[in-house]
Amino acid sequence: MQQGDLVYIPQAVDLHVNNGAGSHISRTKKPSIALLVKEQGSLYEVFINGRNVLVKKDHVYPVEKENKC
């Protein structure tokens, strides 16, 4: 996967949110689609629900492109 790809994140996955006041963990309430921003070691930074968050790589899956012929 590379920057700009759409990715799938299942329900109940921890999202590591870092804001100016500190960091906290939230959890996805439903399966979601996000935009891959960049790779950071064992994590991906993704844009989801209007904010950038960090997610463990093993919880992020590529969105498969449908090939219509």
Protein backbone atom coordinates (compact mmCIF):
# COMPACT_ATOMS: atom_id res chain seq x y z
CA MET A 1 0.00 0.00 0.00
CA GLN A 2 1.15 3.51 -0.66
CA GLN A 3 0.27 7.10 0.16
CA GLY A 4 -3.11 8.12 -1.23
CA ASP A 5 -4.59 4.62 -1.29
CA LEU A 6 -8.02 3.96 0.15
CA VAL A 7 -7.89 1.43 2.97
CA TYR A 8 -10.45 -0.60 4.91
CA ILE A 9 -10.44 -0.59 8.73
CA PRO A 10 -12.73 -3.11 10.49
CA GLN A 11 -15.01 -2.44 13.45
CA ALA A 12 -13.50 -2.27 16.97
CA VAL A 13 -9.97 -1.26 15.87
CA ASP A 14 -7.98 1.10 18.11
CA LEU A 15 -7.21 4.50 16.60
CA HIS A 16 -4.36 6.41 18.24
CA VAL A 17 -5.34 10.07 18.20
CA ASN A 18 -2.72 12.74 18.85
CA ASN A 19 -4.00 16.28 19.32
CA GLY A 20 -2.34 19.39 20.74
CA ALA A 21 -3.48 18.57 24.28
CA GLY A 22 -2.12 15.00 24.27
CA SER A 23 -3.05 11.64 22.86
CA HIS A 24 -5.79 9.12 23.45
CA ILE A 25 -7.19 5.98 21.90
CA SER A 26 -10.59 5.76 20.30
CA ARG A 27 -12.12 2.73 18.62
CA THR A 28 -13.92 2.33 15.32
CA LYS A 29 -17.64 1.82 15.89
CA LYS A 30 -18.22 0.37 12.43
CA PRO A 31 -16.14 -0.80 9.47
CA SER A 32 -14.72 2.27 7.72
CA ILE A 33 -12.82 3.46 4.68
CA ALA A 34 -9.83 5.76 5.24
CA LEU A 35 -7.12 7.46 3.20
CA LEU A 36 -3.55 6.26 3.76
CA VAL A 37 -1.38 9.27 4.60
CA LYS A 38 1.97 7.64 5.39
CA GLU A 39 3.78 4.72 6.96
CA GLN A 40 5.32 5.16 10.42
CA GLY A 41 7.20 2.02 11.45
CA SER A 42 4.63 -0.57 12.54
CA LEU A 43 1.78 1.93 12.12
CA TYR A 44 -0.03 3.70 9.31
CA GLU A 45 -1.19 7.28 9.57
CA VAL A 46 -4.64 7.46 8.01
CA PHE A 47 -7.24 10.17 7.50
CA ILE A 48 -10.59 9.00 8.85
CA ASN A 49 -13.65 10.84 10.15
CA GLY A 50 -12.06 14.23 9.51
CA ARG A 51 -8.80 13.64 11.38
CA ASN A 52 -5.42 11.96 11.07
CA VAL A 53 -4.88 8.97 13.36
CA LEU A 54 -2.39 6.12 13.74
CA VAL A 55 -3.48 2.50 13.25
CA LYS A 56 -1.50 -0.74 13.58
CA LYS A 57 -0.59 -2.06 10.13
CA ASP A 58 -2.16 -5.45 10.78
CA HIS A 59 -5.59 -3.76 11.14
CA VAL A 60 -5.45 -1.98 7.77
CA TYR A 61 -6.46 -3.66 4.51
CA PRO A 62 -6.31 -2.42 0.91
CA VAL A 63 -9.56 -1.54 -0.82
CA GLU A 64 -9.68 -3.75 -3.88
CA LYS A 65 -10.44 -2.02 -7.15
CA GLU A 66 -13.32 -3.61 -9.00
CA ASN A 67 -12.43 -4.39 -12.60
CA LYS A 68 -15.55 -4.04 -14.74
CA CYS A 69 -15.22 -5.33 -18.26
